[in-house]
C-alpha cells in the first residue's frame, strides 16, 4: 500500500512491498519537485526497485526512515555500478 501526503514536498509512505512500477508511477503522478519516500514500513523491495533507488538523483528523490537492511542493499547496489 502507498499513502501520499501533499505539501511542500510530495511525501509517500510505503507500506509492505515496493516495486519498480510503484516508483515509476509515483514520478508520473507527481511530476516536478522532489519526491520524499518514507520507507519506515517497507518489508520488501524487488531487485528492479532497488536498482532504481540506487540510481535516483538526490535532487529528485529523498529517502526517509529507511530501514538499515535497505540502506545496506542500496549501498551494495551503488558499489556494483
PDB file of N, CA and C in Angstrom:
ATOM      1  N   UNK A   1       0.847  -1.168   0.000  1.00  0.00           N
ATOM      2  CA  UNK A   1       0.000   0.000   0.000  1.00  0.00           C
ATOM      3  C   UNK A   1       0.893   1.232   0.000  1.00  0.00           C
ATOM      4  N   UNK A   2       0.444   2.272  -0.676  1.00  0.00           N
ATOM      5  CA  UNK A   2       1.178   3.521  -0.734  1.00  0.00           C
ATOM      6  C   UNK A   2       0.235   4.637  -0.324  1.00  0.00           C
ATOM      7  N   UNK A   3       0.655   5.447   0.662  1.00  0.00           N
ATOM      8  CA  UNK A   3      -0.121   6.596   1.102  1.00  0.00           C
ATOM      9  C   UNK A   3       0.627   7.858   0.702  1.00  0.00           C
ATOM     10  N   UNK A   4      -0.103   8.870   0.261  1.00  0.00           N
ATOM     11  CA  UNK A   4       0.531  10.090  -0.224  1.00  0.00           C
ATOM     12  C   UNK A   4       0.076  11.289   0.591  1.00  0.00           C
ATOM     13  N   UNK A   5       1.032  12.165   0.933  1.00  0.00           N
ATOM     14  CA  UNK A   5       0.747  13.442   1.567  1.00  0.00           C
ATOM     15  C   UNK A   5       1.239  14.523   0.620  1.00  0.00           C
ATOM     16  N   UNK A   6       0.445  15.523   0.414  1.00  0.00           N
ATOM     17  CA  UNK A   6       0.909  16.624  -0.431  1.00  0.00           C
ATOM     18  C   UNK A   6       1.234  17.816   0.449  1.00  0.00           C
ATOM     19  N   UNK A   7       2.135  18.639  -0.029  1.00  0.00           N
ATOM     20  CA  UNK A   7       2.579  19.806   0.706  1.00  0.00           C
ATOM     21  C   UNK A   7       3.763  20.387  -0.033  1.00  0.00           C
ATOM     22  N   UNK A   8       4.728  20.902   0.733  1.00  0.00           N
ATOM     23  CA  UNK A   8       5.917  21.475   0.128  1.00  0.00           C
ATOM     24  C   UNK A   8       6.631  20.436  -0.744  1.00  0.00           C
ATOM     25  N   UNK A   9       6.752  19.240  -0.222  1.00  0.00           N
ATOM     26  CA  UNK A   9       7.291  18.111  -0.988  1.00  0.00           C
ATOM     27  C   UNK A   9       6.232  17.033  -0.965  1.00  0.00           C
ATOM     28  N   UNK A  10       6.169  16.247  -2.013  1.00  0.00           N
ATOM     29  CA  UNK A  10       5.244  15.122  -2.028  1.00  0.00           C
ATOM     30  C   UNK A  10       5.865  14.009  -1.201  1.00  0.00           C
ATOM     31  N   UNK A  11       5.154  13.577  -0.145  1.00  0.00           N
ATOM     32  CA  UNK A  11       5.660  12.524   0.723  1.00  0.00           C
ATOM     33  C   UNK A  11       4.817  11.277   0.518  1.00  0.00           C
ATOM     34  N   UNK A  12       5.493  10.179   0.263  1.00  0.00           N
ATOM     35  CA  UNK A  12       4.816   8.919   0.028  1.00  0.00           C
ATOM     36  C   UNK A  12       5.256   7.936   1.107  1.00  0.00           C
ATOM     37  N   UNK A  13       4.286   7.379   1.823  1.00  0.00           N
ATOM     38  CA  UNK A  13       4.554   6.384   2.855  1.00  0.00           C
ATOM     39  C   UNK A  13       4.354   5.008   2.225  1.00  0.00           C
ATOM     40  N   UNK A  14       5.430   4.263   2.117  1.00  0.00           N
ATOM     41  CA  UNK A  14       5.365   2.936   1.506  1.00  0.00           C
ATOM     42  C   UNK A  14       5.165   1.906   2.619  1.00  0.00           C
ATOM     43  N   UNK A  15       4.139   1.079   2.456  1.00  0.00           N
ATOM     44  CA  UNK A  15       3.830   0.048   3.434  1.00  0.00           C
ATOM     45  C   UNK A  15       3.842  -1.295   2.711  1.00  0.00           C
ATOM     46  N   UNK A  16       4.706  -2.203   3.164  1.00  0.00           N
ATOM     47  CA  UNK A  16       4.758  -3.527   2.536  1.00  0.00           C
ATOM     48  C   UNK A  16       5.826  -3.611   1.471  1.00  0.00           C
ATOM     49  N   UNK A  17       5.418  -3.841   0.235  1.00  0.00           N
ATOM     50  CA  UNK A  17       6.336  -4.092  -0.874  1.00  0.00           C
ATOM     51  C   UNK A  17       6.467  -2.863  -1.776  1.00  0.00           C
ATOM     52  N   UNK A  18       7.694  -2.583  -2.204  1.00  0.00           N
ATOM     53  CA  UNK A  18       7.955  -1.509  -3.162  1.00  0.00           C
ATOM     54  C   UNK A  18       8.518  -2.135  -4.426  1.00  0.00           C
ATOM     55  N   UNK A  19       7.897  -1.814  -5.561  1.00  0.00           N
ATOM     56  CA  UNK A  19       8.356  -2.331  -6.851  1.00  0.00           C
ATOM     57  C   UNK A  19       8.790  -1.176  -7.748  1.00  0.00           C
ATOM     58  N   UNK A  20       9.501  -1.523  -8.798  1.00  0.00           N
ATOM     59  CA  UNK A  20       9.933  -0.511  -9.768  1.00  0.00           C
ATOM     60  C   UNK A  20       8.718   0.221 -10.361  1.00  0.00           C
ATOM     61  N   UNK A  21       7.672  -0.526 -10.661  1.00  0.00           N
ATOM     62  CA  UNK A  21       6.486   0.112 -11.250  1.00  0.00           C
ATOM     63  C   UNK A  21       5.843   1.094 -10.280  1.00  0.00           C
ATOM     64  N   UNK A  22       5.892   0.811  -8.964  1.00  0.00           N
ATOM     65  CA  UNK A  22       5.381   1.769  -7.979  1.00  0.00           C
ATOM     66  C   UNK A  22       6.140   3.092  -8.083  1.00  0.00           C
ATOM     67  N   UNK A  23       7.469   2.987  -8.118  1.00  0.00           N
ATOM     68  CA  UNK A  23       8.299   4.194  -8.166  1.00  0.00           C
ATOM     69  C   UNK A  23       8.040   4.966  -9.455  1.00  0.00           C
ATOM     70  N   UNK A  24       7.988   4.275 -10.573  1.00  0.00           N
ATOM     71  CA  UNK A  24       7.734   4.939 -11.850  1.00  0.00           C
ATOM     72  C   UNK A  24       6.361   5.614 -11.846  1.00  0.00           C
ATOM     73  N   UNK A  25       5.361   4.939 -11.320  1.00  0.00           N
ATOM     74  CA  UNK A  25       4.019   5.520 -11.249  1.00  0.00           C
ATOM     75  C   UNK A  25       4.010   6.781 -10.393  1.00  0.00           C
ATOM     76  N   UNK A  26       4.741   6.764  -9.283  1.00  0.00           N
ATOM     77  CA  UNK A  26       4.793   7.927  -8.401  1.00  0.00           C
ATOM     78  C   UNK A  26       5.385   9.132  -9.112  1.00  0.00           C
ATOM     79  N   UNK A  27       6.469   8.916  -9.858  1.00  0.00           N
ATOM     80  CA  UNK A  27       7.070  10.027 -10.589  1.00  0.00           C
ATOM     81  C   UNK A  27       6.150  10.529 -11.701  1.00  0.00           C
ATOM     82  N   UNK A  28       5.380   9.651 -12.305  1.00  0.00           N
ATOM     83  CA  UNK A  28       4.429  10.070 -13.331  1.00  0.00           C
ATOM     84  C   UNK A  28       3.269  10.853 -12.714  1.00  0.00           C
ATOM     85  N   UNK A  29       2.803  10.409 -11.537  1.00  0.00           N
ATOM     86  CA  UNK A  29       1.672  11.061 -10.877  1.00  0.00           C
ATOM     87  C   UNK A  29       2.055  12.366 -10.195  1.00  0.00           C
ATOM     88  N   UNK A  30       3.324  12.519  -9.836  1.00  0.00           N
ATOM     89  CA  UNK A  30       3.784  13.697  -9.101  1.00  0.00           C
ATOM     90  C   UNK A  30       4.972  14.328  -9.811  1.00  0.00           C
ATOM     91  N   UNK A  31       4.731  14.915 -10.973  1.00  0.00           N
ATOM     92  CA  UNK A  31       5.853  15.497 -11.714  1.00  0.00           C
ATOM     93  C   UNK A  31       6.403  16.752 -11.034  1.00  0.00           C
ATOM     94  N   UNK A  32       7.690  16.990 -11.240  1.00  0.00           N
ATOM     95  CA  UNK A  32       8.323  18.186 -10.697  1.00  0.00           C
ATOM     96  C   UNK A  32       8.627  18.059  -9.219  1.00  0.00           C
ATOM     97  N   UNK A  33       9.522  18.905  -8.756  1.00  0.00           N
ATOM     98  CA  UNK A  33       9.848  18.909  -7.341  1.00  0.00           C
ATOM     99  C   UNK A  33      10.562  17.649  -6.895  1.00  0.00           C
ATOM    100  N   UNK A  34      10.610  17.495  -5.593  1.00  0.00           N
ATOM    101  CA  UNK A  34      11.292  16.348  -5.007  1.00  0.00           C
ATOM    102  C   UNK A  34      10.277  15.400  -4.382  1.00  0.00           C
ATOM    103  N   UNK A  35      10.426  14.140  -4.673  1.00  0.00           N
ATOM    104  CA  UNK A  35       9.575  13.101  -4.099  1.00  0.00           C
ATOM    105  C   UNK A  35      10.259  12.588  -2.845  1.00  0.00           C
ATOM    106  N   UNK A  36       9.510  12.540  -1.739  1.00  0.00           N
ATOM    107  CA  UNK A  36      10.037  12.029  -0.482  1.00  0.00           C
ATOM    108  C   UNK A  36       9.394  10.673  -0.233  1.00  0.00           C
ATOM    109  N   UNK A  37      10.228   9.625  -0.137  1.00  0.00           N
ATOM    110  CA  UNK A  37       9.738   8.278   0.128  1.00  0.00           C
ATOM    111  C   UNK A  37      10.015   7.920   1.582  1.00  0.00           C
ATOM    112  N   UNK A  38       8.957   7.733   2.356  1.00  0.00           N
ATOM    113  CA  UNK A  38       9.069   7.279   3.740  1.00  0.00           C
ATOM    114  C   UNK A  38       9.024   5.753   3.693  1.00  0.00           C
ATOM    115  N   UNK A  39      10.149   5.129   3.978  1.00  0.00           N
ATOM    116  CA  UNK A  39      10.279   3.679   3.832  1.00  0.00           C
ATOM    117  C   UNK A  39      10.273   2.951   5.177  1.00  0.00           C
ATOM    118  N   UNK A  40       9.807   3.614   6.216  1.00  0.00           N
ATOM    119  CA  UNK A  40       9.824   3.050   7.553  1.00  0.00           C
ATOM    120  C   UNK A  40       9.014   1.774   7.716  1.00  0.00           C
ATOM    121  N   UNK A  41       8.036   1.556   6.847  1.00  0.00           N
ATOM    122  CA  UNK A  41       7.183   0.371   6.978  1.00  0.00           C
ATOM    123  C   UNK A  41       7.264  -0.548   5.753  1.00  0.00           C
ATOM    124  N   UNK A  42       8.347  -0.393   4.985  1.00  0.00           N
ATOM    125  CA  UNK A  42       8.531  -1.271   3.836  1.00  0.00           C
ATOM    126  C   UNK A  42       9.151  -2.589   4.320  1.00  0.00           C
ATOM    127  N   UNK A  43       8.683  -3.693   3.759  1.00  0.00           N
ATOM    128  CA  UNK A  43       9.170  -5.010   4.164  1.00  0.00           C
ATOM    129  C   UNK A  43       9.896  -5.732   3.040  1.00  0.00           C
ATOM    130  N   UNK A  44       9.661  -5.290   1.812  1.00  0.00           N
ATOM    131  CA  UNK A  44      10.259  -5.965   0.659  1.00  0.00           C
ATOM    132  C   UNK A  44      10.433  -4.945  -0.458  1.00  0.00           C
ATOM    133  N   UNK A  45      11.562  -5.047  -1.157  1.00  0.00           N
ATOM    134  CA  UNK A  45      11.845  -4.207  -2.321  1.00  0.00           C
ATOM    135  C   UNK A  45      12.351  -5.135  -3.410  1.00  0.00           C
ATOM    136  N   UNK A  46      11.706  -5.114  -4.581  1.00  0.00           N
ATOM    137  CA  UNK A  46      12.175  -6.014  -5.635  1.00  0.00           C
ATOM    138  C   UNK A  46      13.500  -5.501  -6.211  1.00  0.00           C
ATOM    139  N   UNK A  47      14.207  -6.380  -6.916  1.00  0.00           N
ATOM    140  CA  UNK A  47      15.542  -6.067  -7.426  1.00  0.00           C
ATOM    141  C   UNK A  47      15.535  -4.854  -8.350  1.00  0.00           C
ATOM    142  N   UNK A  48      14.513  -4.730  -9.171  1.00  0.00           N
ATOM    143  CA  UNK A  48      14.449  -3.591 -10.094  1.00  0.00           C
ATOM    144  C   UNK A  48      14.223  -2.284  -9.343  1.00  0.00           C
ATOM    145  N   UNK A  49      13.410  -2.318  -8.286  1.00  0.00           N
ATOM    146  CA  UNK A  49      13.190  -1.118  -7.472  1.00  0.00           C
ATOM    147  C   UNK A  49      14.471  -0.736  -6.745  1.00  0.00           C
ATOM    148  N   UNK A  50      15.192  -1.720  -6.243  1.00  0.00           N
ATOM    149  CA  UNK A  50      16.456  -1.461  -5.558  1.00  0.00           C
ATOM    150  C   UNK A  50      17.435  -0.772  -6.497  1.00  0.00           C
ATOM    151  N   UNK A  51      17.547  -1.275  -7.717  1.00  0.00           N
ATOM    152  CA  UNK A  51      18.433  -0.661  -8.703  1.00  0.00           C
ATOM    153  C   UNK A  51      18.021   0.773  -9.007  1.00  0.00           C
ATOM    154  N   UNK A  52      16.732   0.998  -9.136  1.00  0.00           N
ATOM    155  CA  UNK A  52      16.230   2.348  -9.411  1.00  0.00           C
ATOM    156  C   UNK A  52      16.487   3.279  -8.236  1.00  0.00           C
ATOM    157  N   UNK A  53      16.255   2.819  -7.013  1.00  0.00           N
ATOM    158  CA  UNK A  53      16.516   3.646  -5.831  1.00  0.00           C
ATOM    159  C   UNK A  53      17.979   4.066  -5.767  1.00  0.00           C
ATOM    160  N   UNK A  54      18.868   3.158  -6.132  1.00  0.00           N
ATOM    161  CA  UNK A  54      20.299   3.464  -6.095  1.00  0.00           C
ATOM    162  C   UNK A  54      20.681   4.512  -7.135  1.00  0.00           C
ATOM    163  N   UNK A  55      19.962   4.554  -8.246  1.00  0.00           N
ATOM    164  CA  UNK A  55      20.301   5.475  -9.334  1.00  0.00           C
ATOM    165  C   UNK A  55      19.603   6.822  -9.250  1.00  0.00           C
ATOM    166  N   UNK A  56      18.577   6.936  -8.433  1.00  0.00           N
ATOM    167  CA  UNK A  56      17.812   8.185  -8.380  1.00  0.00           C
ATOM    168  C   UNK A  56      18.658   9.328  -7.838  1.00  0.00           C
ATOM    169  N   UNK A  57      18.642  10.465  -8.516  1.00  0.00           N
ATOM    170  CA  UNK A  57      19.401  11.612  -8.003  1.00  0.00           C
ATOM    171  C   UNK A  57      18.726  12.189  -6.755  1.00  0.00           C
ATOM    172  N   UNK A  58      19.544  12.644  -5.824  1.00  0.00           N
ATOM    173  CA  UNK A  58      19.033  13.233  -4.587  1.00  0.00           C
ATOM    174  C   UNK A  58      18.167  14.460  -4.816  1.00  0.00           C
ATOM    175  N   UNK A  59      18.350  15.111  -5.944  1.00  0.00           N
ATOM    176  CA  UNK A  59      17.541  16.291  -6.246  1.00  0.00           C
ATOM    177  C   UNK A  59      16.101  15.931  -6.613  1.00  0.00           C
ATOM    178  N   UNK A  60      15.875  14.679  -6.979  1.00  0.00           N
ATOM    179  CA  UNK A  60      14.527  14.232  -7.380  1.00  0.00           C
ATOM    180  C   UNK A  60      13.841  13.362  -6.337  1.00  0.00           C
ATOM    181  N   UNK A  61      14.646  12.710  -5.477  1.00  0.00           N
ATOM    182  CA  UNK A  61      14.056  11.768  -4.533  1.00  0.00           C
ATOM    183  C   UNK A  61      14.873  11.738  -3.249  1.00  0.00           C
ATOM    184  N   UNK A  62      14.161  11.787  -2.127  1.00  0.00           N
ATOM    185  CA  UNK A  62      14.818  11.682  -0.821  1.00  0.00           C
ATOM    186  C   UNK A  62      14.171  10.531  -0.069  1.00  0.00           C
ATOM    187  N   UNK A  63      15.005   9.681   0.531  1.00  0.00           N
ATOM    188  CA  UNK A  63      14.520   8.550   1.306  1.00  0.00           C
ATOM    189  C   UNK A  63      14.559   8.917   2.781  1.00  0.00           C
ATOM    190  N   UNK A  64      13.451   8.698   3.494  1.00  0.00           N
ATOM    191  CA  UNK A  64      13.408   8.957   4.925  1.00  0.00           C
ATOM    192  C   UNK A  64      12.989   7.689   5.652  1.00  0.00           C
ATOM    193  N   UNK A  65      13.448   7.566   6.879  1.00  0.00           N
ATOM    194  CA  UNK A  65      13.139   6.419   7.733  1.00  0.00           C
ATOM    195  C   UNK A  65      13.417   5.097   7.008  1.00  0.00           C
ATOM    196  N   UNK A  66      14.540   5.074   6.307  1.00  0.00           N
ATOM    197  CA  UNK A  66      14.928   3.903   5.512  1.00  0.00           C
ATOM    198  C   UNK A  66      15.478   2.822   6.443  1.00  0.00           C
ATOM    199  N   UNK A  67      14.929   1.607   6.404  1.00  0.00           N
ATOM    200  CA  UNK A  67      15.445   0.533   7.248  1.00  0.00           C
ATOM    201  C   UNK A  67      16.916   0.245   6.947  1.00  0.00           C
ATOM    202  N   UNK A  68      17.637  -0.167   7.958  1.00  0.00           N
ATOM    203  CA  UNK A  68      19.072  -0.438   7.811  1.00  0.00           C
ATOM    204  C   UNK A  68      19.339  -1.465   6.716  1.00  0.00           C
ATOM    205  N   UNK A  69      18.530  -2.531   6.658  1.00  0.00           N
ATOM    206  CA  UNK A  69      18.752  -3.576   5.643  1.00  0.00           C
ATOM    207  C   UNK A  69      18.635  -3.003   4.242  1.00  0.00           C
ATOM    208  N   UNK A  70      17.739  -2.025   4.066  1.00  0.00           N
ATOM    209  CA  UNK A  70      17.558  -1.425   2.748  1.00  0.00           C
ATOM    210  C   UNK A  70      18.696  -0.456   2.434  1.00  0.00           C
ATOM    211  N   UNK A  71      19.133   0.297   3.418  1.00  0.00           N
ATOM    212  CA  UNK A  71      20.280   1.195   3.214  1.00  0.00           C
ATOM    213  C   UNK A  71      21.512   0.416   2.780  1.00  0.00           C
ATOM    214  N   UNK A  72      21.746  -0.710   3.444  1.00  0.00           N
ATOM    215  CA  UNK A  72      22.893  -1.549   3.098  1.00  0.00           C
ATOM    216  C   UNK A  72      22.743  -2.092   1.672  1.00  0.00           C
ATOM    217  N   UNK A  73      21.544  -2.532   1.321  1.00  0.00           N
ATOM    218  CA  UNK A  73      21.306  -3.055  -0.031  1.00  0.00           C
ATOM    219  C   UNK A  73      21.528  -1.981  -1.087  1.00  0.00           C
ATOM    220  N   UNK A  74      21.100  -0.762  -0.817  1.00  0.00           N
ATOM    221  CA  UNK A  74      21.300   0.343  -1.764  1.00  0.00           C
ATOM    222  C   UNK A  74      22.791   0.641  -1.905  1.00  0.00           C
ATOM    223  N   UNK A  75      23.519   0.654  -0.783  1.00  0.00           N
ATOM    224  CA  UNK A  75      24.966   0.887  -0.840  1.00  0.00           C
ATOM    225  C   UNK A  75      25.670  -0.200  -1.650  1.00  0.00           C
ATOM    226  N   UNK A  76      25.260  -1.439  -1.468  1.00  0.00           N
ATOM    227  CA  UNK A  76      25.861  -2.543  -2.239  1.00  0.00           C
ATOM    228  C   UNK A  76      25.543  -2.407  -3.719  1.00  0.00           C
ATOM    229  N   UNK A  77      24.339  -1.984  -4.033  1.00  0.00           N
ATOM    230  CA  UNK A  77      23.957  -1.773  -5.439  1.00  0.00           C
ATOM    231  C   UNK A  77      24.785  -0.651  -6.049  1.00  0.00           C
ATOM    232  N   UNK A  78      25.003   0.425  -5.304  1.00  0.00           N
ATOM    233  CA  UNK A  78      25.826   1.540  -5.783  1.00  0.00           C
ATOM    234  C   UNK A  78      27.264   1.076  -6.044  1.00  0.00           C
ATOM    235  N   UNK A  79      27.774   0.223  -5.184  1.00  0.00           N
ATOM    236  CA  UNK A  79      29.153  -0.266  -5.337  1.00  0.00           C
ATOM    237  C   UNK A  79      29.290  -1.113  -6.606  1.00  0.00           C
ATOM    238  N   UNK A  80      28.221  -1.780  -7.018  1.00  0.00           N
ATOM    239  CA  UNK A  80      28.267  -2.606  -8.230  1.00  0.00           C
ATOM    240  C   UNK A  80      28.187  -1.763  -9.494  1.00  0.00           C
ATOM    241  N   UNK A  81      27.749  -0.546  -9.391  1.00  0.00           N
ATOM    242  CA  UNK A  81      27.569   0.322 -10.567  1.00  0.00           C
ATOM    243  C   UNK A  81      28.892   0.882 -11.040  1.00  0.00           C
TER     244      UNK A  81
END
